[in-house]
């Protein structure tokens, strides 16, 4: 079986995201961080992925 050449490095992308996020958070006040976390959490739970919706009746 032939292998494909990797076109996306998930580890490197994750590392870049973490560094960028840490830089943005370092510039925020504690109140701004709490508000950002609240908004992010609300946005995440507003979406209903199929796998979470499948277990909603449990």
PDB file of N, CA and C in Angstrom:
ATOM      1  N   UNK A   1       0.838  -1.174   0.000  1.00  0.00           N
ATOM      2  CA  UNK A   1       0.000   0.000   0.000  1.00  0.00           C
ATOM      3  C   UNK A   1       0.892   1.250   0.000  1.00  0.00           C
ATOM      4  N   UNK A   2       0.626   2.161  -0.890  1.00  0.00           N
ATOM      5  CA  UNK A   2       1.421   3.379  -1.006  1.00  0.00           C
ATOM      6  C   UNK A   2       0.993   4.398   0.052  1.00  0.00           C
ATOM      7  N   UNK A   3       1.959   5.150   0.525  1.00  0.00           N
ATOM      8  CA  UNK A   3       1.635   6.194   1.500  1.00  0.00           C
ATOM      9  C   UNK A   3       1.524   7.537   0.797  1.00  0.00           C
ATOM     10  N   UNK A   4       0.669   8.365   1.334  1.00  0.00           N
ATOM     11  CA  UNK A   4       0.492   9.702   0.778  1.00  0.00           C
ATOM     12  C   UNK A   4       1.452  10.665   1.462  1.00  0.00           C
ATOM     13  N   UNK A   5       1.845  11.676   0.729  1.00  0.00           N
ATOM     14  CA  UNK A   5       2.682  12.710   1.315  1.00  0.00           C
ATOM     15  C   UNK A   5       1.802  13.580   2.213  1.00  0.00           C
ATOM     16  N   UNK A   6       2.276  13.838   3.419  1.00  0.00           N
ATOM     17  CA  UNK A   6       1.510  14.617   4.379  1.00  0.00           C
ATOM     18  C   UNK A   6       1.425  16.069   3.900  1.00  0.00           C
ATOM     19  N   UNK A   7       0.207  16.584   3.841  1.00  0.00           N
ATOM     20  CA  UNK A   7       0.017  17.954   3.384  1.00  0.00           C
ATOM     21  C   UNK A   7      -0.367  18.886   4.524  1.00  0.00           C
ATOM     22  N   UNK A   8      -0.729  18.328   5.680  1.00  0.00           N
ATOM     23  CA  UNK A   8      -1.137  19.137   6.815  1.00  0.00           C
ATOM     24  C   UNK A   8      -0.505  18.570   8.075  1.00  0.00           C
ATOM     25  N   UNK A   9       0.179  19.395   8.817  1.00  0.00           N
ATOM     26  CA  UNK A   9       0.817  18.966  10.048  1.00  0.00           C
ATOM     27  C   UNK A   9      -0.030  19.452  11.219  1.00  0.00           C
ATOM     28  N   UNK A  10      -0.842  18.566  11.777  1.00  0.00           N
ATOM     29  CA  UNK A  10      -1.757  18.925  12.854  1.00  0.00           C
ATOM     30  C   UNK A  10      -1.017  19.360  14.109  1.00  0.00           C
ATOM     31  N   UNK A  11       0.088  18.747  14.418  1.00  0.00           N
ATOM     32  CA  UNK A  11       0.858  19.107  15.614  1.00  0.00           C
ATOM     33  C   UNK A  11       1.385  20.532  15.488  1.00  0.00           C
ATOM     34  N   UNK A  12       1.941  20.858  14.347  1.00  0.00           N
ATOM     35  CA  UNK A  12       2.466  22.214  14.132  1.00  0.00           C
ATOM     36  C   UNK A  12       1.337  23.243  14.153  1.00  0.00           C
ATOM     37  N   UNK A  13       0.200  22.911  13.566  1.00  0.00           N
ATOM     38  CA  UNK A  13      -0.940  23.826  13.563  1.00  0.00           C
ATOM     39  C   UNK A  13      -1.444  24.060  14.980  1.00  0.00           C
ATOM     40  N   UNK A  14      -1.518  23.009  15.771  1.00  0.00           N
ATOM     41  CA  UNK A  14      -1.950  23.128  17.156  1.00  0.00           C
ATOM     42  C   UNK A  14      -0.982  23.997  17.949  1.00  0.00           C
ATOM     43  N   UNK A  15       0.280  23.799  17.737  1.00  0.00           N
ATOM     44  CA  UNK A  15       1.298  24.579  18.445  1.00  0.00           C
ATOM     45  C   UNK A  15       1.182  26.061  18.077  1.00  0.00           C
ATOM     46  N   UNK A  16       1.014  26.356  16.793  1.00  0.00           N
ATOM     47  CA  UNK A  16       0.858  27.751  16.355  1.00  0.00           C
ATOM     48  C   UNK A  16      -0.374  28.379  17.007  1.00  0.00           C
ATOM     49  N   UNK A  17      -1.487  27.627  17.036  1.00  0.00           N
ATOM     50  CA  UNK A  17      -2.723  28.135  17.622  1.00  0.00           C
ATOM     51  C   UNK A  17      -2.532  28.438  19.109  1.00  0.00           C
ATOM     52  N   UNK A  18      -1.875  27.523  19.827  1.00  0.00           N
ATOM     53  CA  UNK A  18      -1.656  27.731  21.267  1.00  0.00           C
ATOM     54  C   UNK A  18      -0.791  28.955  21.528  1.00  0.00           C
ATOM     55  N   UNK A  19       0.255  29.150  20.742  1.00  0.00           N
ATOM     56  CA  UNK A  19       1.151  30.300  20.925  1.00  0.00           C
ATOM     57  C   UNK A  19       0.401  31.598  20.648  1.00  0.00           C
ATOM     58  N   UNK A  20      -0.355  31.637  19.560  1.00  0.00           N
ATOM     59  CA  UNK A  20      -1.111  32.841  19.216  1.00  0.00           C
ATOM     60  C   UNK A  20      -2.153  33.162  20.277  1.00  0.00           C
ATOM     61  N   UNK A  21      -2.846  32.144  20.750  1.00  0.00           N
ATOM     62  CA  UNK A  21      -3.866  32.334  21.776  1.00  0.00           C
ATOM     63  C   UNK A  21      -3.248  32.830  23.069  1.00  0.00           C
ATOM     64  N   UNK A  22      -2.120  32.265  23.446  1.00  0.00           N
ATOM     65  CA  UNK A  22      -1.439  32.694  24.682  1.00  0.00           C
ATOM     66  C   UNK A  22      -1.017  34.160  24.589  1.00  0.00           C
ATOM     67  N   UNK A  23      -0.550  34.582  23.429  1.00  0.00           N
ATOM     68  CA  UNK A  23      -0.148  35.979  23.256  1.00  0.00           C
ATOM     69  C   UNK A  23      -1.345  36.910  23.403  1.00  0.00           C
ATOM     70  N   UNK A  24      -2.490  36.525  22.794  1.00  0.00           N
ATOM     71  CA  UNK A  24      -3.690  37.356  22.907  1.00  0.00           C
ATOM     72  C   UNK A  24      -4.194  37.415  24.344  1.00  0.00           C
ATOM     73  N   UNK A  25      -4.200  36.268  25.020  1.00  0.00           N
ATOM     74  CA  UNK A  25      -4.686  36.232  26.405  1.00  0.00           C
ATOM     75  C   UNK A  25      -3.777  37.010  27.344  1.00  0.00           C
ATOM     76  N   UNK A  26      -2.491  37.031  27.080  1.00  0.00           N
ATOM     77  CA  UNK A  26      -1.549  37.756  27.936  1.00  0.00           C
ATOM     78  C   UNK A  26      -1.837  39.253  27.919  1.00  0.00           C
ATOM     79  N   UNK A  27      -2.443  39.734  26.861  1.00  0.00           N
ATOM     80  CA  UNK A  27      -2.751  41.164  26.744  1.00  0.00           C
ATOM     81  C   UNK A  27      -4.111  41.515  27.341  1.00  0.00           C
ATOM     82  N   UNK A  28      -4.884  40.510  27.762  1.00  0.00           N
ATOM     83  CA  UNK A  28      -6.226  40.747  28.298  1.00  0.00           C
ATOM     84  C   UNK A  28      -6.191  40.913  29.815  1.00  0.00           C
ATOM     85  N   UNK A  29      -7.146  41.679  30.311  1.00  0.00           N
ATOM     86  CA  UNK A  29      -7.336  41.778  31.752  1.00  0.00           C
ATOM     87  C   UNK A  29      -8.079  40.528  32.209  1.00  0.00           C
ATOM     88  N   UNK A  30      -8.092  40.238  33.497  1.00  0.00           N
ATOM     89  CA  UNK A  30      -8.849  39.064  33.980  1.00  0.00           C
ATOM     90  C   UNK A  30     -10.335  39.116  33.590  1.00  0.00           C
ATOM     91  N   UNK A  31     -10.926  40.300  33.612  1.00  0.00           N
ATOM     92  CA  UNK A  31     -12.329  40.440  33.225  1.00  0.00           C
ATOM     93  C   UNK A  31     -12.522  40.107  31.746  1.00  0.00           C
ATOM     94  N   UNK A  32     -11.601  40.581  30.911  1.00  0.00           N
ATOM     95  CA  UNK A  32     -11.678  40.285  29.475  1.00  0.00           C
ATOM     96  C   UNK A  32     -11.503  38.795  29.219  1.00  0.00           C
ATOM     97  N   UNK A  33     -10.634  38.144  29.971  1.00  0.00           N
ATOM     98  CA  UNK A  33     -10.445  36.698  29.814  1.00  0.00           C
ATOM     99  C   UNK A  33     -11.712  35.934  30.159  1.00  0.00           C
ATOM    100  N   UNK A  34     -12.360  36.328  31.270  1.00  0.00           N
ATOM    101  CA  UNK A  34     -13.610  35.658  31.666  1.00  0.00           C
ATOM    102  C   UNK A  34     -14.681  35.839  30.595  1.00  0.00           C
ATOM    103  N   UNK A  35     -14.790  37.051  30.067  1.00  0.00           N
ATOM    104  CA  UNK A  35     -15.786  37.318  29.026  1.00  0.00           C
ATOM    105  C   UNK A  35     -15.473  36.524  27.766  1.00  0.00           C
ATOM    106  N   UNK A  36     -14.217  36.448  27.400  1.00  0.00           N
ATOM    107  CA  UNK A  36     -13.812  35.679  26.218  1.00  0.00           C
ATOM    108  C   UNK A  36     -14.144  34.198  26.408  1.00  0.00           C
ATOM    109  N   UNK A  37     -13.865  33.675  27.594  1.00  0.00           N
ATOM    110  CA  UNK A  37     -14.174  32.286  27.886  1.00  0.00           C
ATOM    111  C   UNK A  37     -15.682  32.043  27.833  1.00  0.00           C
ATOM    112  N   UNK A  38     -16.467  32.963  28.389  1.00  0.00           N
ATOM    113  CA  UNK A  38     -17.921  32.827  28.368  1.00  0.00           C
ATOM    114  C   UNK A  38     -18.438  32.794  26.929  1.00  0.00           C
ATOM    115  N   UNK A  39     -17.965  33.715  26.096  1.00  0.00           N
ATOM    116  CA  UNK A  39     -18.411  33.771  24.702  1.00  0.00           C
ATOM    117  C   UNK A  39     -18.007  32.517  23.935  1.00  0.00           C
ATOM    118  N   UNK A  40     -16.782  32.070  24.159  1.00  0.00           N
ATOM    119  CA  UNK A  40     -16.295  30.874  23.471  1.00  0.00           C
ATOM    120  C   UNK A  40     -17.100  29.649  23.877  1.00  0.00           C
ATOM    121  N   UNK A  41     -17.398  29.532  25.170  1.00  0.00           N
ATOM    122  CA  UNK A  41     -18.174  28.403  25.668  1.00  0.00           C
ATOM    123  C   UNK A  41     -19.587  28.429  25.095  1.00  0.00           C
ATOM    124  N   UNK A  42     -20.216  29.589  25.077  1.00  0.00           N
ATOM    125  CA  UNK A  42     -21.565  29.704  24.524  1.00  0.00           C
ATOM    126  C   UNK A  42     -21.584  29.333  23.048  1.00  0.00           C
ATOM    127  N   UNK A  43     -20.598  29.790  22.303  1.00  0.00           N
ATOM    128  CA  UNK A  43     -20.534  29.477  20.874  1.00  0.00           C
ATOM    129  C   UNK A  43     -20.349  27.984  20.656  1.00  0.00           C
ATOM    130  N   UNK A  44     -19.513  27.356  21.488  1.00  0.00           N
ATOM    131  CA  UNK A  44     -19.272  25.921  21.348  1.00  0.00           C
ATOM    132  C   UNK A  44     -20.543  25.131  21.599  1.00  0.00           C
ATOM    133  N   UNK A  45     -21.273  25.455  22.680  1.00  0.00           N
ATOM    134  CA  UNK A  45     -22.454  24.687  23.015  1.00  0.00           C
ATOM    135  C   UNK A  45     -23.670  25.069  22.184  1.00  0.00           C
ATOM    136  N   UNK A  46     -23.610  26.183  21.461  1.00  0.00           N
ATOM    137  CA  UNK A  46     -24.702  26.550  20.568  1.00  0.00           C
ATOM    138  C   UNK A  46     -24.728  25.629  19.357  1.00  0.00           C
ATOM    139  N   UNK A  47     -23.555  25.102  19.003  1.00  0.00           N
ATOM    140  CA  UNK A  47     -23.469  24.163  17.892  1.00  0.00           C
ATOM    141  C   UNK A  47     -23.821  22.777  18.417  1.00  0.00           C
ATOM    142  N   UNK A  48     -24.544  21.996  17.643  1.00  0.00           N
ATOM    143  CA  UNK A  48     -24.885  20.646  18.063  1.00  0.00           C
ATOM    144  C   UNK A  48     -24.301  19.651  17.076  1.00  0.00           C
ATOM    145  N   UNK A  49     -23.100  19.196  17.326  1.00  0.00           N
ATOM    146  CA  UNK A  49     -22.535  18.174  16.445  1.00  0.00           C
ATOM    147  C   UNK A  49     -23.392  16.914  16.471  1.00  0.00           C
ATOM    148  N   UNK A  50     -23.361  16.164  15.409  1.00  0.00           N
ATOM    149  CA  UNK A  50     -24.192  14.969  15.282  1.00  0.00           C
ATOM    150  C   UNK A  50     -23.946  13.985  16.413  1.00  0.00           C
ATOM    151  N   UNK A  51     -22.704  13.814  16.820  1.00  0.00           N
ATOM    152  CA  UNK A  51     -22.437  12.814  17.862  1.00  0.00           C
ATOM    153  C   UNK A  51     -23.000  13.239  19.205  1.00  0.00           C
ATOM    154  N   UNK A  52     -23.007  14.558  19.506  1.00  0.00           N
ATOM    155  CA  UNK A  52     -23.616  15.001  20.754  1.00  0.00           C
ATOM    156  C   UNK A  52     -25.121  14.939  20.668  1.00  0.00           C
ATOM    157  N   UNK A  53     -25.698  15.254  19.526  1.00  0.00           N
ATOM    158  CA  UNK A  53     -27.145  15.224  19.347  1.00  0.00           C
ATOM    159  C   UNK A  53     -27.650  13.791  19.459  1.00  0.00           C
ATOM    160  N   UNK A  54     -26.859  12.819  19.039  1.00  0.00           N
ATOM    161  CA  UNK A  54     -27.285  11.419  19.087  1.00  0.00           C
ATOM    162  C   UNK A  54     -27.459  10.952  20.523  1.00  0.00           C
ATOM    163  N   UNK A  55     -26.712  11.554  21.474  1.00  0.00           N
ATOM    164  CA  UNK A  55     -26.801  11.131  22.866  1.00  0.00           C
ATOM    165  C   UNK A  55     -27.609  12.095  23.721  1.00  0.00           C
ATOM    166  N   UNK A  56     -28.291  13.028  23.095  1.00  0.00           N
ATOM    167  CA  UNK A  56     -29.049  14.036  23.844  1.00  0.00           C
ATOM    168  C   UNK A  56     -30.192  13.415  24.631  1.00  0.00           C
ATOM    169  N   UNK A  57     -30.725  12.299  24.194  1.00  0.00           N
ATOM    170  CA  UNK A  57     -31.852  11.669  24.873  1.00  0.00           C
ATOM    171  C   UNK A  57     -31.437  10.907  26.129  1.00  0.00           C
ATOM    172  N   UNK A  58     -30.140  10.695  26.338  1.00  0.00           N
ATOM    173  CA  UNK A  58     -29.665   9.921  27.492  1.00  0.00           C
ATOM    174  C   UNK A  58     -29.718  10.708  28.770  1.00  0.00           C
TER     175      UNK A  58
END
